[in-house]
Every structure is written in C-alpha cells, then in structure tokens.
Amino acid sequence: MARITVEDCLSKVDNHFDLVIVAAKRARQISNGAFVDYDGEFVSKEDKAAIIALREIAHDLVSVDELKENVIKGYRKISEIEEANDFEEDIEFDSFDDPEMISANVEEEIKEDELSILDEITEEADKA
C-alpha cells in the first residue's frame, strides 16, 4: 500500500492546521470504535488510527466538513438546545425594551404614585 502524504490530504482540507485537527478527530473516533471499511483498497487492519484517518481524508471516504462540525461542537460550552432557549427568552424580554411600552408603564406608575400621595394628603387633612 502506498504511503500517505500531507500533500494528498491538503487538496481536501484548507490548511495544515485544519488537517491536524480533523485527522486527530477522526483518529480518535476510530480508536473509540467508529466504523472503518477495512475491505477498501485504501485501508488495512494493520494501519494505525492516524494513518487510517489520513487515508480516509485523502480519498474522500469521510466528510471533512462533518468532522470540522464535530470538533466545533465538542468545544462548545452551550448546547444548541440551551442556545435556542436563551434566544426565546431574549425575544420575550425585547417587548419590554419598546420605548412606547416603557413610557406607558412609567406614566401608569406615576399616576398611581400621585393618587396614593393624594390619598395620604386627604387622610391627613381629615385627621386635622
């Protein structure tokens, strides 16, 4: 079986750094038991996980874009579900940021305060 080179893989990946990250991700998947088609002409059972990953990348046996997404998801601190929930909460609070809603609420509060002050003044006048 021919040796695999970095140049074989760089036509499928943007740069050396992405290649290292993507190949390492795929090698970890293989080490953890991910499916590998050993019957293919490019991969044999004697190869180590890193070599298998590089051969799969070079011969388009795996999706590089999918591997990149898996790497990104692995480093994310917030899951997509939590992010969606945060977005829904932001929408609910945005209605309070409407200037007309704020001014209407403030005006109502001022009227209530004025009425309560007038009630207190009336009560004190009645006592006197």
C-alpha atoms as a PDB file:
ATOM      1  CA  MET A   1       0.000   0.000   0.000  1.00  0.00           C
ATOM      2  CA  ALA A   2       1.371   3.430  -0.943  1.00  0.00           C
ATOM      3  CA  ARG A   3       2.465   5.877   1.700  1.00  0.00           C
ATOM      4  CA  ILE A   4       0.076   8.659   2.557  1.00  0.00           C
ATOM      5  CA  THR A   5       1.438  12.213   2.469  1.00  0.00           C
ATOM      6  CA  VAL A   6       0.214  15.522   3.797  1.00  0.00           C
ATOM      7  CA  GLU A   7       0.009  16.837   0.236  1.00  0.00           C
ATOM      8  CA  ASP A   8      -2.519  14.113  -0.587  1.00  0.00           C
ATOM      9  CA  CYS A   9      -4.769  15.453   2.164  1.00  0.00           C
ATOM     10  CA  LEU A  10      -4.257  19.184   1.640  1.00  0.00           C
ATOM     11  CA  SER A  11      -6.301  19.100  -1.543  1.00  0.00           C
ATOM     12  CA  LYS A  12      -9.288  18.131   0.655  1.00  0.00           C
ATOM     13  CA  VAL A  13      -8.594  20.420   3.641  1.00  0.00           C
ATOM     14  CA  ASP A  14      -7.886  24.162   3.656  1.00  0.00           C
ATOM     15  CA  ASN A  15      -4.558  24.169   5.520  1.00  0.00           C
ATOM     16  CA  HIS A  16      -2.142  22.167   7.651  1.00  0.00           C
ATOM     17  CA  PHE A  17      -3.752  23.251  10.920  1.00  0.00           C
ATOM     18  CA  ASP A  18      -7.232  22.120   9.862  1.00  0.00           C
ATOM     19  CA  LEU A  19      -5.749  18.864   8.629  1.00  0.00           C
ATOM     20  CA  VAL A  20      -4.167  18.131  12.009  1.00  0.00           C
ATOM     21  CA  ILE A  21      -7.390  18.896  13.886  1.00  0.00           C
ATOM     22  CA  VAL A  22      -9.639  16.945  11.520  1.00  0.00           C
ATOM     23  CA  ALA A  23      -7.296  13.950  11.260  1.00  0.00           C
ATOM     24  CA  ALA A  24      -6.901  13.829  15.040  1.00  0.00           C
ATOM     25  CA  LYS A  25     -10.683  13.916  15.480  1.00  0.00           C
ATOM     26  CA  ARG A  26     -11.148  11.059  13.014  1.00  0.00           C
ATOM     27  CA  ALA A  27      -8.279   9.071  14.564  1.00  0.00           C
ATOM     28  CA  ARG A  28      -9.943   9.412  17.994  1.00  0.00           C
ATOM     29  CA  GLN A  29     -13.240   8.248  16.508  1.00  0.00           C
ATOM     30  CA  ILE A  30     -11.517   5.212  15.003  1.00  0.00           C
ATOM     31  CA  SER A  31      -9.742   4.439  18.283  1.00  0.00           C
ATOM     32  CA  ASN A  32     -13.091   4.638  20.078  1.00  0.00           C
ATOM     33  CA  GLY A  33     -14.640   2.091  17.726  1.00  0.00           C
ATOM     34  CA  ALA A  34     -16.058   4.098  14.820  1.00  0.00           C
ATOM     35  CA  PHE A  35     -16.837   2.151  11.657  1.00  0.00           C
ATOM     36  CA  VAL A  36     -13.957   1.716   9.213  1.00  0.00           C
ATOM     37  CA  ASP A  37     -14.339  -0.056   5.873  1.00  0.00           C
ATOM     38  CA  TYR A  38     -11.282  -2.345   6.016  1.00  0.00           C
ATOM     39  CA  ASP A  39     -12.312  -4.071   2.809  1.00  0.00           C
ATOM     40  CA  GLY A  40     -11.485  -0.963   0.791  1.00  0.00           C
ATOM     41  CA  GLU A  41      -8.302  -0.710  -1.210  1.00  0.00           C
ATOM     42  CA  PHE A  42      -7.013   2.234   0.850  1.00  0.00           C
ATOM     43  CA  VAL A  43      -7.248   0.871   4.405  1.00  0.00           C
ATOM     44  CA  SER A  44      -5.884  -2.260   6.029  1.00  0.00           C
ATOM     45  CA  LYS A  45      -6.237  -3.660   9.550  1.00  0.00           C
ATOM     46  CA  GLU A  46      -2.524  -3.268  10.220  1.00  0.00           C
ATOM     47  CA  ASP A  47      -2.671   0.521   9.871  1.00  0.00           C
ATOM     48  CA  LYS A  48      -2.799   2.713  12.943  1.00  0.00           C
ATOM     49  CA  ALA A  49      -5.740   5.039  13.549  1.00  0.00           C
ATOM     50  CA  ALA A  50      -3.857   8.178  12.442  1.00  0.00           C
ATOM     51  CA  ILE A  51      -2.836   6.588   9.138  1.00  0.00           C
ATOM     52  CA  ILE A  52      -6.372   5.321   8.528  1.00  0.00           C
ATOM     53  CA  ALA A  53      -7.740   8.816   9.233  1.00  0.00           C
ATOM     54  CA  LEU A  54      -5.308  10.436   6.796  1.00  0.00           C
ATOM     55  CA  ARG A  55      -6.089   7.875   4.088  1.00  0.00           C
ATOM     56  CA  GLU A  56      -9.823   8.361   4.573  1.00  0.00           C
ATOM     57  CA  ILE A  57      -9.393  12.121   4.242  1.00  0.00           C
ATOM     58  CA  ALA A  58      -7.167  11.861   1.186  1.00  0.00           C
ATOM     59  CA  HIS A  59      -9.577   9.534  -0.633  1.00  0.00           C
ATOM     60  CA  ASP A  60     -12.815  11.299   0.416  1.00  0.00           C
ATOM     61  CA  LEU A  61     -14.006   8.351   2.481  1.00  0.00           C
ATOM     62  CA  VAL A  62     -15.118  10.722   5.279  1.00  0.00           C
ATOM     63  CA  SER A  63     -16.729  14.152   5.216  1.00  0.00           C
ATOM     64  CA  VAL A  64     -14.180  16.767   6.251  1.00  0.00           C
ATOM     65  CA  ASP A  65     -16.935  19.333   6.864  1.00  0.00           C
ATOM     66  CA  GLU A  66     -18.755  16.928   9.171  1.00  0.00           C
ATOM     67  CA  LEU A  67     -15.558  16.272  11.117  1.00  0.00           C
ATOM     68  CA  LYS A  68     -14.983  20.018  11.483  1.00  0.00           C
ATOM     69  CA  GLU A  69     -18.512  20.461  12.823  1.00  0.00           C
ATOM     70  CA  ASN A  70     -17.942  17.644  15.314  1.00  0.00           C
ATOM     71  CA  VAL A  71     -14.762  19.334  16.531  1.00  0.00           C
ATOM     72  CA  ILE A  72     -16.578  22.652  16.959  1.00  0.00           C
ATOM     73  CA  LYS A  73     -19.491  21.031  18.790  1.00  0.00           C
ATOM     74  CA  GLY A  74     -17.041  19.303  21.109  1.00  0.00           C
ATOM     75  CA  TYR A  75     -15.576  22.635  22.200  1.00  0.00           C
ATOM     76  CA  ARG A  76     -18.850  24.487  22.604  1.00  0.00           C
ATOM     77  CA  LYS A  77     -19.839  25.250  26.182  1.00  0.00           C
ATOM     78  CA  ILE A  78     -23.524  25.804  25.432  1.00  0.00           C
ATOM     79  CA  SER A  79     -25.559  23.205  23.605  1.00  0.00           C
ATOM     80  CA  GLU A  80     -27.795  24.197  20.697  1.00  0.00           C
ATOM     81  CA  ILE A  81     -30.900  23.482  22.795  1.00  0.00           C
ATOM     82  CA  GLU A  82     -29.768  25.830  25.568  1.00  0.00           C
ATOM     83  CA  GLU A  83     -28.879  28.428  22.953  1.00  0.00           C
ATOM     84  CA  ALA A  84     -32.378  28.170  21.416  1.00  0.00           C
ATOM     85  CA  ASN A  85     -33.959  28.571  24.872  1.00  0.00           C
ATOM     86  CA  ASP A  86     -31.849  31.661  25.540  1.00  0.00           C
ATOM     87  CA  PHE A  87     -32.967  33.100  22.212  1.00  0.00           C
ATOM     88  CA  GLU A  88     -36.640  32.565  23.110  1.00  0.00           C
ATOM     89  CA  GLU A  89     -36.094  34.279  26.464  1.00  0.00           C
ATOM     90  CA  ASP A  90     -34.433  37.217  24.697  1.00  0.00           C
ATOM     91  CA  ILE A  91     -37.483  37.592  22.469  1.00  0.00           C
ATOM     92  CA  GLU A  92     -39.783  37.725  25.484  1.00  0.00           C
ATOM     93  CA  PHE A  93     -37.700  40.449  27.148  1.00  0.00           C
ATOM     94  CA  ASP A  94     -37.356  42.503  23.967  1.00  0.00           C
ATOM     95  CA  SER A  95     -41.019  43.534  24.222  1.00  0.00           C
ATOM     96  CA  PHE A  96     -40.129  45.451  27.401  1.00  0.00           C
ATOM     97  CA  ASP A  97     -37.464  47.386  25.556  1.00  0.00           C
ATOM     98  CA  ASP A  98     -40.081  49.127  23.398  1.00  0.00           C
ATOM     99  CA  PRO A  99     -39.926  52.852  24.312  1.00  0.00           C
ATOM    100  CA  GLU A 100     -43.681  53.279  23.984  1.00  0.00           C
ATOM    101  CA  MET A 101     -44.301  50.358  26.343  1.00  0.00           C
ATOM    102  CA  ILE A 102     -41.798  51.744  28.833  1.00  0.00           C
ATOM    103  CA  SER A 103     -43.262  55.256  28.771  1.00  0.00           C
ATOM    104  CA  ALA A 104     -46.805  53.876  29.149  1.00  0.00           C
ATOM    105  CA  ASN A 105     -45.719  51.798  32.154  1.00  0.00           C
ATOM    106  CA  VAL A 106     -43.897  54.748  33.705  1.00  0.00           C
ATOM    107  CA  GLU A 107     -46.910  57.018  33.215  1.00  0.00           C
ATOM    108  CA  GLU A 108     -49.172  54.466  34.911  1.00  0.00           C
ATOM    109  CA  GLU A 109     -46.762  54.175  37.839  1.00  0.00           C
ATOM    110  CA  ILE A 110     -46.583  57.960  38.184  1.00  0.00           C
ATOM    111  CA  LYS A 111     -50.392  58.218  38.189  1.00  0.00           C
ATOM    112  CA  GLU A 112     -50.613  55.512  40.832  1.00  0.00           C
ATOM    113  CA  ASP A 113     -47.990  57.298  42.950  1.00  0.00           C
ATOM    114  CA  GLU A 114     -49.822  60.624  42.575  1.00  0.00           C
ATOM    115  CA  LEU A 115     -53.118  59.033  43.588  1.00  0.00           C
ATOM    116  CA  SER A 116     -51.556  57.401  46.628  1.00  0.00           C
ATOM    117  CA  ILE A 117     -49.959  60.727  47.655  1.00  0.00           C
ATOM    118  CA  LEU A 118     -53.298  62.500  47.209  1.00  0.00           C
ATOM    119  CA  ASP A 119     -54.985  59.829  49.328  1.00  0.00           C
ATOM    120  CA  GLU A 120     -52.376  60.336  52.079  1.00  0.00           C
ATOM    121  CA  ILE A 121     -52.839  64.117  51.985  1.00  0.00           C
ATOM    122  CA  THR A 122     -56.628  63.729  52.126  1.00  0.00           C
ATOM    123  CA  GLU A 123     -56.363  61.367  55.103  1.00  0.00           C
ATOM    124  CA  GLU A 124     -54.064  63.778  56.960  1.00  0.00           C
ATOM    125  CA  ALA A 125     -56.426  66.678  56.216  1.00  0.00           C
ATOM    126  CA  ASP A 126     -59.374  64.687  57.532  1.00  0.00           C
ATOM    127  CA  LYS A 127     -57.467  63.918  60.758  1.00  0.00           C
ATOM    128  CA  ALA A 128     -56.704  67.569  61.343  1.00  0.00           C
END
